């Protein structure tokens, strides 16, 4: 099998990233299985074993100390999005959170901020790369010194091309607006004291990403 160096690097990072989570290392995530063939995954596992990054134990592969140290050295990528409150924000949606460049919520109960300075398409290339590696995304929403934290995940299926919105979803559905999936919170789950401040058009909302 012939793979480009970039393809090999992507697959290695996908597999290693998954295996360094607190999950069964023998299970390859669905989004990786659908994107790469079993032969490609096996090729990568062999490469990683040769490099001393994984080892075969009890019928499955597990990351070595070398692999764990490697991931500790990877610098965290950060991005900050600024948006503003609006009197018509309700933040009652049970499945997603949306930040938009639009001036008004337009009867969308998932919106938590308007007049945003960034959409999916505006995100840094390094952030997009990390998101497409299925990595864990830590999201902090800050208003007036109050904070709420969200954990979600990226996916190789992410497009990140929408020029108006950013959406964080509890589901695994992906479209051009999707920033992250499998979120542990939707708009309705945000702290009540924060939701109240989102209704003030003079309140600046900071949405910070760490990957």
Protein backbone atom coordinates (compact mmCIF):
# COMPACT_ATOMS: atom_id res chain seq x y z
CA UNK A 1 0.00 0.00 0.00
CA UNK A 2 1.32 3.44 -0.95
CA UNK A 3 0.27 6.40 1.15
CA UNK A 4 1.50 9.97 1.00
CA UNK A 5 3.41 11.22 4.04
CA UNK A 6 0.50 13.53 4.83
CA UNK A 7 -2.02 10.66 4.71
CA UNK A 8 0.15 8.57 7.01
CA UNK A 9 0.52 11.46 9.46
CA UNK A 10 -3.25 12.08 9.55
CA UNK A 11 -4.06 8.43 10.19
CA UNK A 12 -1.36 8.14 12.86
CA UNK A 13 -2.71 11.17 14.70
CA UNK A 14 -6.29 9.90 14.46
CA UNK A 15 -5.41 6.50 15.85
CA UNK A 16 -3.04 7.80 18.51
CA UNK A 17 -5.44 10.51 19.63
CA UNK A 18 -8.22 7.97 20.09
CA UNK A 19 -6.01 5.51 21.92
CA UNK A 20 -4.77 8.12 24.40
CA UNK A 21 -8.32 8.86 25.52
CA UNK A 22 -9.83 6.89 28.38
CA UNK A 23 -11.51 4.44 26.02
CA UNK A 24 -10.96 0.88 24.88
CA UNK A 25 -7.92 1.13 22.61
CA UNK A 26 -9.11 -1.83 20.57
CA UNK A 27 -12.14 0.07 19.29
CA UNK A 28 -11.56 2.28 16.24
CA UNK A 29 -14.14 5.12 16.13
CA UNK A 30 -16.86 5.02 13.47
CA UNK A 31 -15.70 8.28 11.88
CA UNK A 32 -12.24 6.78 11.34
CA UNK A 33 -13.56 3.46 10.04
CA UNK A 34 -15.72 5.19 7.43
CA UNK A 35 -12.95 7.50 6.27
CA UNK A 36 -10.10 4.96 6.04
CA UNK A 37 -9.98 1.34 4.93
CA UNK A 38 -9.10 -1.48 7.37
CA UNK A 39 -5.86 -1.96 5.43
CA UNK A 40 -4.89 1.66 6.02
CA UNK A 41 -5.60 1.38 9.73
CA UNK A 42 -3.57 -1.85 10.00
CA UNK A 43 -0.73 -0.22 8.07
CA UNK A 44 -0.75 2.66 10.55
CA UNK A 45 -0.86 0.38 13.59
CA UNK A 46 2.18 -1.46 12.23
CA UNK A 47 3.98 1.85 11.67
CA UNK A 48 3.17 3.04 15.18
CA UNK A 49 4.33 -0.25 16.69
CA UNK A 50 7.60 -0.01 14.77
CA UNK A 51 8.11 3.50 16.14
CA UNK A 52 7.51 2.27 19.68
CA UNK A 53 4.34 4.30 20.13
CA UNK A 54 1.96 1.37 20.67
CA UNK A 55 2.23 -2.24 21.81
CA UNK A 56 0.03 -5.30 21.39
CA UNK A 57 -1.29 -6.51 24.76
CA UNK A 58 -4.09 -8.98 25.56
CA UNK A 59 -5.50 -9.02 22.06
CA UNK A 60 -5.44 -5.25 21.51
CA UNK A 61 -3.14 -2.29 20.98
CA UNK A 62 -2.30 0.14 23.78
CA UNK A 63 -0.24 3.37 23.71
CA UNK A 64 3.25 3.30 25.21
CA UNK A 65 4.71 5.83 27.63
CA UNK A 66 6.53 7.32 24.65
CA UNK A 67 3.18 8.01 22.95
CA UNK A 68 1.71 9.55 26.11
CA UNK A 69 4.70 11.87 26.45
CA UNK A 70 4.44 12.82 22.78
CA UNK A 71 0.87 14.02 23.21
CA UNK A 72 1.75 15.96 26.34
CA UNK A 73 4.22 17.97 24.26
CA UNK A 74 1.68 18.92 21.61
CA UNK A 75 0.86 22.58 22.16
CA UNK A 76 -2.77 23.41 22.86
CA UNK A 77 -4.36 25.43 20.06
CA UNK A 78 -6.66 28.27 21.10
CA UNK A 79 -9.23 30.45 19.37
CA UNK A 80 -11.51 33.18 20.70
CA UNK A 81 -14.79 34.28 19.18
CA UNK A 82 -16.53 37.49 20.22
CA UNK A 83 -20.30 37.91 19.96
CA UNK A 84 -22.95 40.14 21.54
CA UNK A 85 -26.19 39.70 23.42
CA UNK A 86 -29.67 40.52 22.13
CA UNK A 87 -33.07 40.97 23.86
CA UNK A 88 -34.62 38.20 21.71
CA UNK A 89 -32.11 35.52 22.68
CA UNK A 90 -33.93 32.68 24.45
CA UNK A 91 -31.26 29.92 24.52
CA UNK A 92 -33.92 27.22 24.92
CA UNK A 93 -32.77 24.77 22.27
CA UNK A 94 -32.22 21.22 23.56
CA UNK A 95 -29.88 19.94 20.84
CA UNK A 96 -27.40 22.65 19.85
CA UNK A 97 -25.73 26.02 20.43
CA UNK A 98 -25.27 28.60 17.69
CA UNK A 99 -23.21 31.79 17.38
CA UNK A 100 -24.03 33.94 14.36
CA UNK A 101 -22.78 36.99 12.50
CA UNK A 102 -26.39 38.04 11.97
CA UNK A 103 -27.63 41.13 13.82
CA UNK A 104 -30.66 39.36 15.32
CA UNK A 105 -31.54 35.81 16.53
CA UNK A 106 -34.27 35.49 13.84
CA UNK A 107 -36.51 33.24 15.96
CA UNK A 108 -33.71 30.70 16.43
CA UNK A 109 -33.70 29.42 20.03
CA UNK A 110 -30.24 27.86 19.66
CA UNK A 111 -28.50 31.24 19.23
CA UNK A 112 -26.56 32.51 22.24
CA UNK A 113 -24.75 35.41 20.55
CA UNK A 114 -25.13 37.69 17.51
CA UNK A 115 -22.83 40.03 15.56
CA UNK A 116 -20.03 37.46 15.95
CA UNK A 117 -16.60 38.37 14.64
CA UNK A 118 -16.01 34.85 13.29
CA UNK A 119 -17.83 32.01 11.55
CA UNK A 120 -16.62 28.45 10.92
CA UNK A 121 -14.87 29.61 7.78
CA UNK A 122 -12.89 32.25 9.71
CA UNK A 123 -11.28 29.85 12.18
CA UNK A 124 -7.51 29.41 12.14
CA UNK A 125 -6.24 26.61 9.91
CA UNK A 126 -4.55 24.88 12.86
CA UNK A 127 -7.83 24.83 14.78
CA UNK A 128 -9.59 23.32 11.76
CA UNK A 129 -6.88 20.67 11.45
CA UNK A 130 -7.24 19.67 15.11
CA UNK A 131 -11.03 19.56 14.84
CA UNK A 132 -10.81 17.22 11.85
CA UNK A 133 -8.64 14.87 13.90
CA UNK A 134 -11.65 14.06 16.12
CA UNK A 135 -9.99 15.77 19.03
CA UNK A 136 -11.63 16.77 22.29
CA UNK A 137 -12.74 20.44 22.24
CA UNK A 138 -12.98 22.48 25.43
CA UNK A 139 -15.31 25.43 25.01
CA UNK A 140 -15.70 28.24 27.55
CA UNK A 141 -18.52 30.78 27.32
CA UNK A 142 -17.81 33.96 29.32
CA UNK A 143 -20.04 36.95 30.06
CA UNK A 144 -19.32 39.59 32.71
CA UNK A 145 -16.89 37.33 34.54
CA UNK A 146 -19.31 34.40 34.60
CA UNK A 147 -18.24 31.20 32.85
CA UNK A 148 -19.81 28.00 31.60
CA UNK A 149 -17.77 25.15 30.17
CA UNK A 150 -18.68 22.68 27.42
CA UNK A 151 -16.91 19.57 26.16
CA UNK A 152 -17.46 18.39 22.59
CA UNK A 153 -15.57 16.54 19.83
CA UNK A 154 -14.31 17.16 16.34
CA UNK A 155 -14.69 14.79 13.39
CA UNK A 156 -12.97 14.08 10.05
CA UNK A 157 -16.38 14.75 8.47
CA UNK A 158 -16.41 18.42 9.54
CA UNK A 159 -16.55 20.93 6.68
CA UNK A 160 -16.02 24.19 8.62
CA UNK A 161 -16.86 26.31 5.60
CA UNK A 162 -19.94 28.32 6.60
CA UNK A 163 -19.40 32.06 6.39
CA UNK A 164 -22.09 33.12 8.87
CA UNK A 165 -22.56 30.67 11.73
CA UNK A 166 -20.85 28.37 14.22
CA UNK A 167 -22.85 25.46 15.65
CA UNK A 168 -22.04 23.03 18.47
CA UNK A 169 -24.27 19.94 18.48
CA UNK A 170 -25.23 17.21 20.93
CA UNK A 171 -25.79 14.89 17.96
CA UNK A 172 -23.17 13.58 15.53
CA UNK A 173 -24.80 15.23 12.48
CA UNK A 174 -22.43 17.41 10.45
CA UNK A 175 -22.94 20.26 8.00
CA UNK A 176 -20.95 23.33 6.90
CA UNK A 177 -21.89 25.21 10.12
CA UNK A 178 -20.84 22.49 12.54
CA UNK A 179 -17.85 23.26 14.76
CA UNK A 180 -18.12 20.25 17.07
CA UNK A 181 -20.37 17.28 17.81
CA UNK A 182 -21.39 15.09 20.77
CA UNK A 183 -21.46 18.13 23.04
CA UNK A 184 -22.33 17.64 26.70
CA UNK A 185 -24.48 20.80 26.66
CA UNK A 186 -26.98 22.57 24.42
CA UNK A 187 -28.28 26.14 24.68
CA UNK A 188 -30.88 25.22 27.31
CA UNK A 189 -28.21 23.65 29.54
CA UNK A 190 -26.24 26.86 30.04
CA UNK A 191 -26.21 28.43 33.50
CA UNK A 192 -29.30 30.54 34.12
CA UNK A 193 -27.29 33.56 35.28
CA UNK A 194 -25.41 33.52 31.97
CA UNK A 195 -28.57 33.08 29.89
CA UNK A 196 -30.07 36.18 31.53
CA UNK A 197 -27.03 38.27 30.53
CA UNK A 198 -27.26 37.05 26.92
CA UNK A 199 -30.45 39.14 26.60
CA UNK A 200 -28.51 42.38 27.07
CA UNK A 201 -27.34 43.83 23.74
CA UNK A 202 -24.45 45.59 25.48
CA UNK A 203 -22.95 42.40 26.88
CA UNK A 204 -19.87 41.03 25.15
CA UNK A 205 -19.79 37.23 24.91
CA UNK A 206 -16.46 35.44 24.68
CA UNK A 207 -16.44 31.91 23.29
CA UNK A 208 -13.00 30.35 23.84
CA UNK A 209 -11.85 27.12 22.17
CA UNK A 210 -9.01 24.89 23.38
CA UNK A 211 -7.93 21.85 21.42
